[in-house]
Amino acid sequence: MHKLVVLYSKPADPDHFRDYYVTNHLPLVMDWPGLLAWRYSFDVAATGEAPYFAVFEGDFADAAAMAAARESPQGRRLAADVANYATGGAVIIHYPVQDGTG
């Protein structure tokens, strides 16, 4: 599996971010080809002050599936939409997930 994580810094208008994200951005996420699972939160905590306001996680079969999704028309639409709500900016990271057992 390959995971894509988006870390959002605090926006200028947190209420607008939350409303726009849920009402407009997540419906675009739901149409993203190759996305196996996704999750998000506005309740990001840390020791001390949290450096991020919100987080999104998306799971893909592998790096190639994620790259194809990001290059698709839906992926380009998603990327262009970020400017409509993420005024604090966003950091995008991705990595292969290694399974483990306890």
PDB file of N, CA and C in Angstrom:
ATOM      1  N   MET A   1       0.833  -1.166   0.000  1.00  0.00           N
ATOM      2  CA  MET A   1       0.000   0.000   0.000  1.00  0.00           C
ATOM      3  C   MET A   1       0.885   1.239   0.000  1.00  0.00           C
ATOM      4  N   HIS A   2       0.360   2.320  -0.559  1.00  0.00           N
ATOM      5  CA  HIS A   2       1.058   3.605  -0.606  1.00  0.00           C
ATOM      6  C   HIS A   2       0.125   4.655  -0.009  1.00  0.00           C
ATOM      7  N   LYS A   3       0.646   5.452   0.909  1.00  0.00           N
ATOM      8  CA  LYS A   3      -0.161   6.448   1.604  1.00  0.00           C
ATOM      9  C   LYS A   3       0.235   7.850   1.164  1.00  0.00           C
ATOM     10  N   LEU A   4      -0.788   8.686   0.952  1.00  0.00           N
ATOM     11  CA  LEU A   4      -0.610  10.105   0.678  1.00  0.00           C
ATOM     12  C   LEU A   4      -1.180  10.858   1.870  1.00  0.00           C
ATOM     13  N   VAL A   5      -0.404  11.779   2.434  1.00  0.00           N
ATOM     14  CA  VAL A   5      -0.838  12.562   3.586  1.00  0.00           C
ATOM     15  C   VAL A   5      -0.738  14.037   3.222  1.00  0.00           C
ATOM     16  N   VAL A   6      -1.799  14.783   3.528  1.00  0.00           N
ATOM     17  CA  VAL A   6      -1.799  16.232   3.339  1.00  0.00           C
ATOM     18  C   VAL A   6      -1.927  16.864   4.719  1.00  0.00           C
ATOM     19  N   LEU A   7      -0.964  17.701   5.076  1.00  0.00           N
ATOM     20  CA  LEU A   7      -0.950  18.411   6.349  1.00  0.00           C
ATOM     21  C   LEU A   7      -1.254  19.876   6.080  1.00  0.00           C
ATOM     22  N   TYR A   8      -2.338  20.362   6.644  1.00  0.00           N
ATOM     23  CA  TYR A   8      -2.781  21.738   6.404  1.00  0.00           C
ATOM     24  C   TYR A   8      -2.409  22.634   7.575  1.00  0.00           C
ATOM     25  N   SER A   9      -1.724  23.735   7.295  1.00  0.00           N
ATOM     26  CA  SER A   9      -1.437  24.737   8.318  1.00  0.00           C
ATOM     27  C   SER A   9      -2.702  25.533   8.606  1.00  0.00           C
ATOM     28  N   LYS A  10      -2.702  26.251   9.725  1.00  0.00           N
ATOM     29  CA  LYS A  10      -3.890  27.005  10.129  1.00  0.00           C
ATOM     30  C   LYS A  10      -4.254  28.027   9.051  1.00  0.00           C
ATOM     31  N   PRO A  11      -5.517  27.989   8.582  1.00  0.00           N
ATOM     32  CA  PRO A  11      -5.952  28.935   7.553  1.00  0.00           C
ATOM     33  C   PRO A  11      -6.349  30.286   8.154  1.00  0.00           C
ATOM     34  N   ALA A  12      -6.508  31.279   7.303  1.00  0.00           N
ATOM     35  CA  ALA A  12      -6.938  32.603   7.748  1.00  0.00           C
ATOM     36  C   ALA A  12      -8.346  32.542   8.341  1.00  0.00           C
ATOM     37  N   ASP A  13      -9.215  31.701   7.783  1.00  0.00           N
ATOM     38  CA  ASP A  13     -10.602  31.578   8.242  1.00  0.00           C
ATOM     39  C   ASP A  13     -10.920  30.097   8.470  1.00  0.00           C
ATOM     40  N   PRO A  14     -10.701  29.600   9.697  1.00  0.00           N
ATOM     41  CA  PRO A  14     -10.932  28.186   9.974  1.00  0.00           C
ATOM     42  C   PRO A  14     -12.350  27.708   9.674  1.00  0.00           C
ATOM     43  N   ASP A  15     -13.350  28.552   9.927  1.00  0.00           N
ATOM     44  CA  ASP A  15     -14.730  28.144   9.656  1.00  0.00           C
ATOM     45  C   ASP A  15     -14.965  27.942   8.162  1.00  0.00           C
ATOM     46  N   HIS A  16     -14.424  28.846   7.350  1.00  0.00           N
ATOM     47  CA  HIS A  16     -14.541  28.689   5.897  1.00  0.00           C
ATOM     48  C   HIS A  16     -13.838  27.412   5.453  1.00  0.00           C
ATOM     49  N   PHE A  17     -12.640  27.156   5.983  1.00  0.00           N
ATOM     50  CA  PHE A  17     -11.896  25.943   5.638  1.00  0.00           C
ATOM     51  C   PHE A  17     -12.769  24.716   5.883  1.00  0.00           C
ATOM     52  N   ARG A  18     -13.275  24.584   7.119  1.00  0.00           N
ATOM     53  CA  ARG A  18     -14.077  23.403   7.475  1.00  0.00           C
ATOM     54  C   ARG A  18     -15.287  23.244   6.551  1.00  0.00           C
ATOM     55  N   ASP A  19     -16.025  24.325   6.365  1.00  0.00           N
ATOM     56  CA  ASP A  19     -17.239  24.259   5.539  1.00  0.00           C
ATOM     57  C   ASP A  19     -16.906  23.916   4.091  1.00  0.00           C
ATOM     58  N   TYR A  20     -15.942  24.609   3.512  1.00  0.00           N
ATOM     59  CA  TYR A  20     -15.583  24.376   2.117  1.00  0.00           C
ATOM     60  C   TYR A  20     -15.022  22.972   1.929  1.00  0.00           C
ATOM     61  N   TYR A  21     -14.189  22.539   2.858  1.00  0.00           N
ATOM     62  CA  TYR A  21     -13.555  21.228   2.752  1.00  0.00           C
ATOM     63  C   TYR A  21     -14.602  20.126   2.704  1.00  0.00           C
ATOM     64  N   VAL A  22     -15.557  20.174   3.629  1.00  0.00           N
ATOM     65  CA  VAL A  22     -16.581  19.130   3.713  1.00  0.00           C
ATOM     66  C   VAL A  22     -17.583  19.234   2.561  1.00  0.00           C
ATOM     67  N   THR A  23     -17.996  20.441   2.246  1.00  0.00           N
ATOM     68  CA  THR A  23     -19.049  20.646   1.244  1.00  0.00           C
ATOM     69  C   THR A  23     -18.558  20.531  -0.188  1.00  0.00           C
ATOM     70  N   ASN A  24     -17.336  20.997  -0.461  1.00  0.00           N
ATOM     71  CA  ASN A  24     -16.849  21.066  -1.840  1.00  0.00           C
ATOM     72  C   ASN A  24     -15.663  20.144  -2.152  1.00  0.00           C
ATOM     73  N   HIS A  25     -14.692  20.098  -1.250  1.00  0.00           N
ATOM     74  CA  HIS A  25     -13.467  19.358  -1.561  1.00  0.00           C
ATOM     75  C   HIS A  25     -13.646  17.841  -1.401  1.00  0.00           C
ATOM     76  N   LEU A  26     -14.258  17.410  -0.326  1.00  0.00           N
ATOM     77  CA  LEU A  26     -14.415  15.963  -0.122  1.00  0.00           C
ATOM     78  C   LEU A  26     -15.239  15.280  -1.213  1.00  0.00           C
ATOM     79  N   PRO A  27     -16.270  15.921  -1.767  1.00  0.00           N
ATOM     80  CA  PRO A  27     -16.943  15.280  -2.910  1.00  0.00           C
ATOM     81  C   PRO A  27     -16.002  15.033  -4.091  1.00  0.00           C
ATOM     82  N   LEU A  28     -15.013  15.894  -4.285  1.00  0.00           N
ATOM     83  CA  LEU A  28     -14.014  15.661  -5.330  1.00  0.00           C
ATOM     84  C   LEU A  28     -13.135  14.467  -4.970  1.00  0.00           C
ATOM     85  N   VAL A  29     -12.788  14.352  -3.690  1.00  0.00           N
ATOM     86  CA  VAL A  29     -11.982  13.220  -3.215  1.00  0.00           C
ATOM     87  C   VAL A  29     -12.690  11.908  -3.524  1.00  0.00           C
ATOM     88  N   MET A  30     -13.999  11.875  -3.329  1.00  0.00           N
ATOM     89  CA  MET A  30     -14.775  10.649  -3.525  1.00  0.00           C
ATOM     90  C   MET A  30     -14.746  10.156  -4.968  1.00  0.00           C
ATOM     91  N   ASP A  31     -14.434  11.033  -5.902  1.00  0.00           N
ATOM     92  CA  ASP A  31     -14.352  10.659  -7.320  1.00  0.00           C
ATOM     93  C   ASP A  31     -12.928  10.372  -7.784  1.00  0.00           C
ATOM     94  N   TRP A  32     -11.967  10.363  -6.872  1.00  0.00           N
ATOM     95  CA  TRP A  32     -10.563  10.191  -7.225  1.00  0.00           C
ATOM     96  C   TRP A  32     -10.297   8.740  -7.600  1.00  0.00           C
ATOM     97  N   PRO A  33      -9.882   8.470  -8.822  1.00  0.00           N
ATOM     98  CA  PRO A  33      -9.646   7.079  -9.238  1.00  0.00           C
ATOM     99  C   PRO A  33      -8.469   6.444  -8.488  1.00  0.00           C
ATOM    100  N   GLY A  34      -8.630   5.193  -8.135  1.00  0.00           N
ATOM    101  CA  GLY A  34      -7.550   4.453  -7.484  1.00  0.00           C
ATOM    102  C   GLY A  34      -7.471   4.623  -5.980  1.00  0.00           C
ATOM    103  N   LEU A  35      -8.263   5.518  -5.411  1.00  0.00           N
ATOM    104  CA  LEU A  35      -8.237   5.745  -3.973  1.00  0.00           C
ATOM    105  C   LEU A  35      -8.970   4.601  -3.276  1.00  0.00           C
ATOM    106  N   LEU A  36      -8.248   3.858  -2.436  1.00  0.00           N
ATOM    107  CA  LEU A  36      -8.816   2.691  -1.760  1.00  0.00           C
ATOM    108  C   LEU A  36      -9.547   3.060  -0.477  1.00  0.00           C
ATOM    109  N   ALA A  37      -9.017   4.013   0.252  1.00  0.00           N
ATOM    110  CA  ALA A  37      -9.619   4.468   1.501  1.00  0.00           C
ATOM    111  C   ALA A  37      -9.107   5.864   1.793  1.00  0.00           C
ATOM    112  N   TRP A  38      -9.865   6.620   2.570  1.00  0.00           N
ATOM    113  CA  TRP A  38      -9.433   7.957   2.940  1.00  0.00           C
ATOM    114  C   TRP A  38     -10.021   8.329   4.291  1.00  0.00           C
ATOM    115  N   ARG A  39      -9.363   9.287   4.939  1.00  0.00           N
ATOM    116  CA  ARG A  39      -9.813   9.782   6.225  1.00  0.00           C
ATOM    117  C   ARG A  39      -9.252  11.188   6.426  1.00  0.00           C
ATOM    118  N   TYR A  40      -9.891  11.944   7.296  1.00  0.00           N
ATOM    119  CA  TYR A  40      -9.404  13.298   7.579  1.00  0.00           C
ATOM    120  C   TYR A  40      -9.779  13.679   9.002  1.00  0.00           C
ATOM    121  N   SER A  41      -9.157  14.745   9.496  1.00  0.00           N
ATOM    122  CA  SER A  41      -9.502  15.266  10.814  1.00  0.00           C
ATOM    123  C   SER A  41      -9.165  16.748  10.893  1.00  0.00           C
ATOM    124  N   PHE A  42     -10.013  17.466  11.625  1.00  0.00           N
ATOM    125  CA  PHE A  42      -9.737  18.861  11.961  1.00  0.00           C
ATOM    126  C   PHE A  42      -9.223  18.971  13.395  1.00  0.00           C
ATOM    127  N   ASP A  43      -9.097  17.854  14.089  1.00  0.00           N
ATOM    128  CA  ASP A  43      -8.695  17.843  15.495  1.00  0.00           C
ATOM    129  C   ASP A  43      -7.265  17.336  15.648  1.00  0.00           C
ATOM    130  N   VAL A  44      -6.331  18.042  15.050  1.00  0.00           N
ATOM    131  CA  VAL A  44      -4.924  17.650  15.105  1.00  0.00           C
ATOM    132  C   VAL A  44      -4.316  18.159  16.409  1.00  0.00           C
ATOM    133  N   ALA A  45      -3.727  17.254  17.162  1.00  0.00           N
ATOM    134  CA  ALA A  45      -3.117  17.623  18.441  1.00  0.00           C
ATOM    135  C   ALA A  45      -1.632  17.294  18.415  1.00  0.00           C
ATOM    136  N   ALA A  46      -0.892  17.949  19.275  1.00  0.00           N
ATOM    137  CA  ALA A  46       0.554  17.706  19.397  1.00  0.00           C
ATOM    138  C   ALA A  46       0.983  18.099  20.796  1.00  0.00           C
ATOM    139  N   THR A  47       2.170  17.694  21.175  1.00  0.00           N
ATOM    140  CA  THR A  47       2.738  18.188  22.417  1.00  0.00           C
ATOM    141  C   THR A  47       3.087  19.646  22.165  1.00  0.00           C
ATOM    142  N   GLY A  48       2.554  20.537  22.982  1.00  0.00           N
ATOM    143  CA  GLY A  48       2.714  21.963  22.708  1.00  0.00           C
ATOM    144  C   GLY A  48       1.692  22.382  21.661  1.00  0.00           C
ATOM    145  N   GLU A  49       1.989  23.438  20.950  1.00  0.00           N
ATOM    146  CA  GLU A  49       1.065  23.927  19.918  1.00  0.00           C
ATOM    147  C   GLU A  49       1.170  23.066  18.665  1.00  0.00           C
ATOM    148  N   ALA A  50       0.028  22.593  18.171  1.00  0.00           N
ATOM    149  CA  ALA A  50       0.013  21.751  16.974  1.00  0.00           C
ATOM    150  C   ALA A  50       0.441  22.568  15.757  1.00  0.00           C
ATOM    151  N   PRO A  51       1.377  22.063  14.963  1.00  0.00           N
ATOM    152  CA  PRO A  51       1.832  22.805  13.790  1.00  0.00           C
ATOM    153  C   PRO A  51       0.852  22.743  12.623  1.00  0.00           C
ATOM    154  N   TYR A  52      -0.167  21.877  12.731  1.00  0.00           N
ATOM    155  CA  TYR A  52      -1.119  21.719  11.633  1.00  0.00           C
ATOM    156  C   TYR A  52      -2.547  21.837  12.138  1.00  0.00           C
ATOM    157  N   PHE A  53      -3.409  22.327  11.267  1.00  0.00           N
ATOM    158  CA  PHE A  53      -4.818  22.543  11.555  1.00  0.00           C
ATOM    159  C   PHE A  53      -5.654  21.317  11.194  1.00  0.00           C
ATOM    160  N   ALA A  54      -5.303  20.668  10.096  1.00  0.00           N
ATOM    161  CA  ALA A  54      -6.080  19.526   9.607  1.00  0.00           C
ATOM    162  C   ALA A  54      -5.144  18.551   8.901  1.00  0.00           C
ATOM    163  N   VAL A  55      -5.626  17.314   8.745  1.00  0.00           N
ATOM    164  CA  VAL A  55      -4.843  16.280   8.081  1.00  0.00           C
ATOM    165  C   VAL A  55      -5.776  15.432   7.211  1.00  0.00           C
ATOM    166  N   PHE A  56      -5.259  14.996   6.072  1.00  0.00           N
ATOM    167  CA  PHE A  56      -5.956  14.069   5.186  1.00  0.00           C
ATOM    168  C   PHE A  56      -5.020  12.905   4.906  1.00  0.00           C
ATOM    169  N   GLU A  57      -5.571  11.681   4.896  1.00  0.00           N
ATOM    170  CA  GLU A  57      -4.808  10.491   4.536  1.00  0.00           C
ATOM    171  C   GLU A  57      -5.555   9.749   3.436  1.00  0.00           C
ATOM    172  N   GLY A  58      -4.845   9.375   2.393  1.00  0.00           N
ATOM    173  CA  GLY A  58      -5.421   8.574   1.322  1.00  0.00           C
ATOM    174  C   GLY A  58      -4.568   7.348   1.074  1.00  0.00           C
ATOM    175  N   ASP A  59      -5.219   6.216   0.853  1.00  0.00           N
ATOM    176  CA  ASP A  59      -4.517   4.959   0.609  1.00  0.00           C
ATOM    177  C   ASP A  59      -4.675   4.541  -0.851  1.00  0.00           C
ATOM    178  N   PHE A  60      -3.557   4.155  -1.458  1.00  0.00           N
ATOM    179  CA  PHE A  60      -3.527   3.665  -2.830  1.00  0.00           C
ATOM    180  C   PHE A  60      -2.833   2.308  -2.850  1.00  0.00           C
ATOM    181  N   ALA A  61      -3.073   1.527  -3.875  1.00  0.00           N
ATOM    182  CA  ALA A  61      -2.471   0.194  -3.975  1.00  0.00           C
ATOM    183  C   ALA A  61      -0.949   0.265  -3.982  1.00  0.00           C
ATOM    184  N   ASP A  62      -0.405   1.234  -4.704  1.00  0.00           N
ATOM    185  CA  ASP A  62       1.044   1.387  -4.812  1.00  0.00           C
ATOM    186  C   ASP A  62       1.361   2.785  -5.324  1.00  0.00           C
ATOM    187  N   ALA A  63       2.644   3.103  -5.439  1.00  0.00           N
ATOM    188  CA  ALA A  63       3.064   4.441  -5.876  1.00  0.00           C
ATOM    189  C   ALA A  63       2.574   4.765  -7.279  1.00  0.00           C
ATOM    190  N   ALA A  64       2.540   3.769  -8.158  1.00  0.00           N
ATOM    191  CA  ALA A  64       2.075   4.002  -9.530  1.00  0.00           C
ATOM    192  C   ALA A  64       0.601   4.381  -9.546  1.00  0.00           C
ATOM    193  N   ALA A  65      -0.203   3.729  -8.726  1.00  0.00           N
ATOM    194  CA  ALA A  65      -1.637   4.050  -8.660  1.00  0.00           C
ATOM    195  C   ALA A  65      -1.840   5.463  -8.122  1.00  0.00           C
ATOM    196  N   MET A  66      -1.038   5.845  -7.127  1.00  0.00           N
ATOM    197  CA  MET A  66      -1.139   7.199  -6.592  1.00  0.00           C
ATOM    198  C   MET A  66      -0.726   8.231  -7.645  1.00  0.00           C
ATOM    199  N   ALA A  67       0.361   7.967  -8.356  1.00  0.00           N
ATOM    200  CA  ALA A  67       0.827   8.899  -9.387  1.00  0.00           C
ATOM    201  C   ALA A  67      -0.215   9.051 -10.491  1.00  0.00           C
ATOM    202  N   ALA A  68      -0.819   7.942 -10.905  1.00  0.00           N
ATOM    203  CA  ALA A  68      -1.868   8.005 -11.935  1.00  0.00           C
ATOM    204  C   ALA A  68      -3.063   8.798 -11.434  1.00  0.00           C
ATOM    205  N   ALA A  69      -3.421   8.620 -10.180  1.00  0.00           N
ATOM    206  CA  ALA A  69      -4.543   9.361  -9.612  1.00  0.00           C
ATOM    207  C   ALA A  69      -4.251  10.852  -9.574  1.00  0.00           C
ATOM    208  N   ARG A  70      -3.048  11.224  -9.171  1.00  0.00           N
ATOM    209  CA  ARG A  70      -2.688  12.642  -9.091  1.00  0.00           C
ATOM    210  C   ARG A  70      -2.640  13.292 -10.469  1.00  0.00           C
ATOM    211  N   GLU A  71      -2.291  12.523 -11.502  1.00  0.00           N
ATOM    212  CA  GLU A  71      -2.206  13.056 -12.862  1.00  0.00           C
ATOM    213  C   GLU A  71      -3.530  13.013 -13.609  1.00  0.00           C
ATOM    214  N   SER A  72      -4.531  12.347 -13.053  1.00  0.00           N
ATOM    215  CA  SER A  72      -5.839  12.235 -13.701  1.00  0.00           C
ATOM    216  C   SER A  72      -6.547  13.592 -13.699  1.00  0.00           C
ATOM    217  N   PRO A  73      -7.587  13.758 -14.526  1.00  0.00           N
ATOM    218  CA  PRO A  73      -8.362  15.006 -14.481  1.00  0.00           C
ATOM    219  C   PRO A  73      -8.914  15.294 -13.083  1.00  0.00           C
ATOM    220  N   GLN A  74      -9.362  14.251 -12.385  1.00  0.00           N
ATOM    221  CA  GLN A  74      -9.878  14.442 -11.028  1.00  0.00           C
ATOM    222  C   GLN A  74      -8.756  14.889 -10.090  1.00  0.00           C
ATOM    223  N   GLY A  75      -7.573  14.317 -10.241  1.00  0.00           N
ATOM    224  CA  GLY A  75      -6.442  14.707  -9.408  1.00  0.00           C
ATOM    225  C   GLY A  75      -6.021  16.141  -9.655  1.00  0.00           C
ATOM    226  N   ARG A  76      -6.036  16.553 -10.901  1.00  0.00           N
ATOM    227  CA  ARG A  76      -5.695  17.946 -11.213  1.00  0.00           C
ATOM    228  C   ARG A  76      -6.751  18.901 -10.653  1.00  0.00           C
ATOM    229  N   ARG A  77      -8.027  18.495 -10.707  1.00  0.00           N
ATOM    230  CA  ARG A  77      -9.104  19.305 -10.132  1.00  0.00           C
ATOM    231  C   ARG A  77      -8.926  19.434  -8.617  1.00  0.00           C
ATOM    232  N   LEU A  78      -8.589  18.321  -7.962  1.00  0.00           N
ATOM    233  CA  LEU A  78      -8.343  18.346  -6.518  1.00  0.00           C
ATOM    234  C   LEU A  78      -7.210  19.307  -6.169  1.00  0.00           C
ATOM    235  N   ALA A  79      -6.107  19.196  -6.881  1.00  0.00           N
ATOM    236  CA  ALA A  79      -4.950  20.052  -6.609  1.00  0.00           C
ATOM    237  C   ALA A  79      -5.294  21.527  -6.810  1.00  0.00           C
ATOM    238  N   ALA A  80      -6.027  21.846  -7.857  1.00  0.00           N
ATOM    239  CA  ALA A  80      -6.401  23.236  -8.128  1.00  0.00           C
ATOM    240  C   ALA A  80      -7.366  23.774  -7.078  1.00  0.00           C
ATOM    241  N   ASP A  81      -8.177  22.904  -6.500  1.00  0.00           N
ATOM    242  CA  ASP A  81      -9.184  23.325  -5.528  1.00  0.00           C
ATOM    243  C   ASP A  81      -8.585  23.740  -4.187  1.00  0.00           C
ATOM    244  N   VAL A  82      -7.404  23.273  -3.863  1.00  0.00           N
ATOM    245  CA  VAL A  82      -6.788  23.540  -2.557  1.00  0.00           C
ATOM    246  C   VAL A  82      -6.700  25.044  -2.287  1.00  0.00           C
ATOM    247  N   ALA A  83      -6.433  25.847  -3.283  1.00  0.00           N
ATOM    248  CA  ALA A  83      -6.316  27.299  -3.105  1.00  0.00           C
ATOM    249  C   ALA A  83      -7.630  27.938  -2.643  1.00  0.00           C
ATOM    250  N   ASN A  84      -8.735  27.249  -2.815  1.00  0.00           N
ATOM    251  CA  ASN A  84     -10.038  27.803  -2.431  1.00  0.00           C
ATOM    252  C   ASN A  84     -10.315  27.746  -0.932  1.00  0.00           C
ATOM    253  N   TYR A  85      -9.516  27.017  -0.168  1.00  0.00           N
ATOM    254  CA  TYR A  85      -9.775  26.914   1.266  1.00  0.00           C
ATOM    255  C   TYR A  85      -8.505  26.890   2.123  1.00  0.00           C
ATOM    256  N   ALA A  86      -7.379  26.428   1.599  1.00  0.00           N
ATOM    257  CA  ALA A  86      -6.167  26.226   2.393  1.00  0.00           C
ATOM    258  C   ALA A  86      -5.261  27.444   2.347  1.00  0.00           C
ATOM    259  N   THR A  87      -5.726  28.552   2.905  1.00  0.00           N
ATOM    260  CA  THR A  87      -4.957  29.795   2.854  1.00  0.00           C
ATOM    261  C   THR A  87      -3.677  29.729   3.685  1.00  0.00           C
ATOM    262  N   GLY A  88      -3.578  28.764   4.595  1.00  0.00           N
ATOM    263  CA  GLY A  88      -2.363  28.601   5.392  1.00  0.00           C
ATOM    264  C   GLY A  88      -1.322  27.731   4.723  1.00  0.00           C
ATOM    265  N   GLY A  89      -1.698  27.134   3.591  1.00  0.00           N
ATOM    266  CA  GLY A  89      -0.783  26.264   2.871  1.00  0.00           C
ATOM    267  C   GLY A  89      -0.962  24.806   3.254  1.00  0.00           C
ATOM    268  N   ALA A  90      -0.306  23.945   2.505  1.00  0.00           N
ATOM    269  CA  ALA A  90      -0.410  22.506   2.728  1.00  0.00           C
ATOM    270  C   ALA A  90       0.917  21.844   2.399  1.00  0.00           C
ATOM    271  N   VAL A  91       1.230  20.812   3.145  1.00  0.00           N
ATOM    272  CA  VAL A  91       2.401  19.980   2.902  1.00  0.00           C
ATOM    273  C   VAL A  91       1.880  18.614   2.484  1.00  0.00           C
ATOM    274  N   ILE A  92       2.366  18.101   1.360  1.00  0.00           N
ATOM    275  CA  ILE A  92       1.944  16.791   0.873  1.00  0.00           C
ATOM    276  C   ILE A  92       3.132  15.849   0.965  1.00  0.00           C
ATOM    277  N   ILE A  93       2.922  14.733   1.659  1.00  0.00           N
ATOM    278  CA  ILE A  93       3.951  13.704   1.737  1.00  0.00           C
ATOM    279  C   ILE A  93       3.325  12.381   1.304  1.00  0.00           C
ATOM    280  N   HIS A  94       4.148  11.463   0.837  1.00  0.00           N
ATOM    281  CA  HIS A  94       3.650  10.130   0.496  1.00  0.00           C
ATOM    282  C   HIS A  94       4.771   9.128   0.690  1.00  0.00           C
ATOM    283  N   TYR A  95       4.359   7.880   0.935  1.00  0.00           N
ATOM    284  CA  TYR A  95       5.343   6.851   1.247  1.00  0.00           C
ATOM    285  C   TYR A  95       4.716   5.467   1.153  1.00  0.00           C
ATOM    286  N   PRO A  96       5.541   4.466   0.889  1.00  0.00           N
ATOM    287  CA  PRO A  96       5.048   3.092   0.928  1.00  0.00           C
ATOM    288  C   PRO A  96       4.837   2.694   2.395  1.00  0.00           C
ATOM    289  N   VAL A  97       3.792   1.950   2.658  1.00  0.00           N
ATOM    290  CA  VAL A  97       3.481   1.515   4.010  1.00  0.00           C
ATOM    291  C   VAL A  97       4.007   0.098   4.199  1.00  0.00           C
ATOM    292  N   GLN A  98       4.773  -0.077   5.258  1.00  0.00           N
ATOM    293  CA  GLN A  98       5.298  -1.391   5.613  1.00  0.00           C
ATOM    294  C   GLN A  98       4.387  -2.008   6.663  1.00  0.00           C
ATOM    295  N   ASP A  99       3.909  -3.208   6.419  1.00  0.00           N
ATOM    296  CA  ASP A  99       3.057  -3.887   7.394  1.00  0.00           C
ATOM    297  C   ASP A  99       3.913  -4.429   8.516  1.00  0.00           C
ATOM    298  N   GLY A 100       3.317  -4.488   9.679  1.00  0.00           N
ATOM    299  CA  GLY A 100       4.011  -5.032  10.837  1.00  0.00           C
ATOM    300  C   GLY A 100       3.063  -5.865  11.679  1.00  0.00           C
ATOM    301  N   THR A 101       3.618  -6.627  12.548  1.00  0.00           N
ATOM    302  CA  THR A 101       2.811  -7.412  13.471  1.00  0.00           C
ATOM    303  C   THR A 101       3.312  -7.150  14.883  1.00  0.00           C
ATOM    304  N   GLY A 102       2.417  -7.315  15.822  1.00  0.00           N
ATOM    305  CA  GLY A 102       2.759  -7.021  17.203  1.00  0.00           C
ATOM    306  C   GLY A 102       3.177  -8.175  17.917  1.00  0.00           C
TER     307      GLY A 102
END
